[in-house]
């Protein structure tokens, strides 16, 4: 990890500790002001997030050779389905202040990888494209927030809370097989050095079957969160829900292992580091069967976007670093869960 990345990581950690410290200070002060607080209230939602995702990154290595295009390479992991087991618990320390922990775990339910490479001779069009299937691995995340109630609506219609916290989001993909889709004349005939060409118009030689691992990709996002959430009751049993969190600072750490590249090291072959922004949003509804048990349904969107970063190719004879021109992660889908209030 480079010096600036260590400083950025420390900034994220310190920011989170500051948020927690301020929240705890306010909670203690509120507790000292009131000697008639009701007992703490606990709310938990156990459910699922049926989602699909898209991760893509690109880099520019054209400064190293006039033969290479800009971008030089782009990888897109798309249609990545997951059924997340999601649990969220909220503990009210006082009638006004709370802490919230949200954890989700999922296996990867399929998807595909499209790998594009570009040469300057093809004028911005892909000189090579290969497709691979995603055979498995998974993701998990952790949101840790602290916040307080801003207002309660008249006639017990609902409430508005604000919060701040930290998010960790981890994904891992395993791509298998290799199917050649595009190989231009430039890609198959321009010597990139040492008799190496970008692709073979006849396809990979020898062929790469679906049982062969091609790329293992691991992505970690470390993000600060700040936002608000609300509930508005239309009837005694039925409510509308909403939550929005902005991610003003995210650190992206990504590692690739290219199992078929003998010119690259294998742990990792390629590493990336950068910083960016993002946003999380949930909308939905809640129906209470009883005073303490209800059903939540809704839709969730998570988006993380890199602003600046670099990519390092770890060769067997040395390393090379280039600008990382794109890194985006998007996940969205339906949510449902049982809501228990105590």
Foldseek 3Di string as FASTA:
>chain_A
DDPVQVVQVVVLVVVQVVQVVVLVVVLVVVCVVDPDFDDKKKKKWWWKFWKWKKKKWWFCPCVVDVFADVRFKMKMWGRWTWIKGKMKMWIASTPWKIKMKIKIWTKTDKTKMKMFGGTVVVPPDGQWIKMWIWDMDIKMKMWIKIWTWPDQDPPRFKTKIKIKHKMKIKTKTWTFFIWTDHHDPQQCPPQPPPNDGNAHPVHDVPGTDRVGTFKMKMKIKIFIWIWMKMWGHPDPFKIKIKIKIKTQKIKMKMFMAGPPDLFADGRGQKIKIFMWIWMKMWIWMWGAPDPFKIKIKTKIKIKTWGDWIKMWGHGPVGIDIGTIPTIMMIMMGMMMTMMGMD
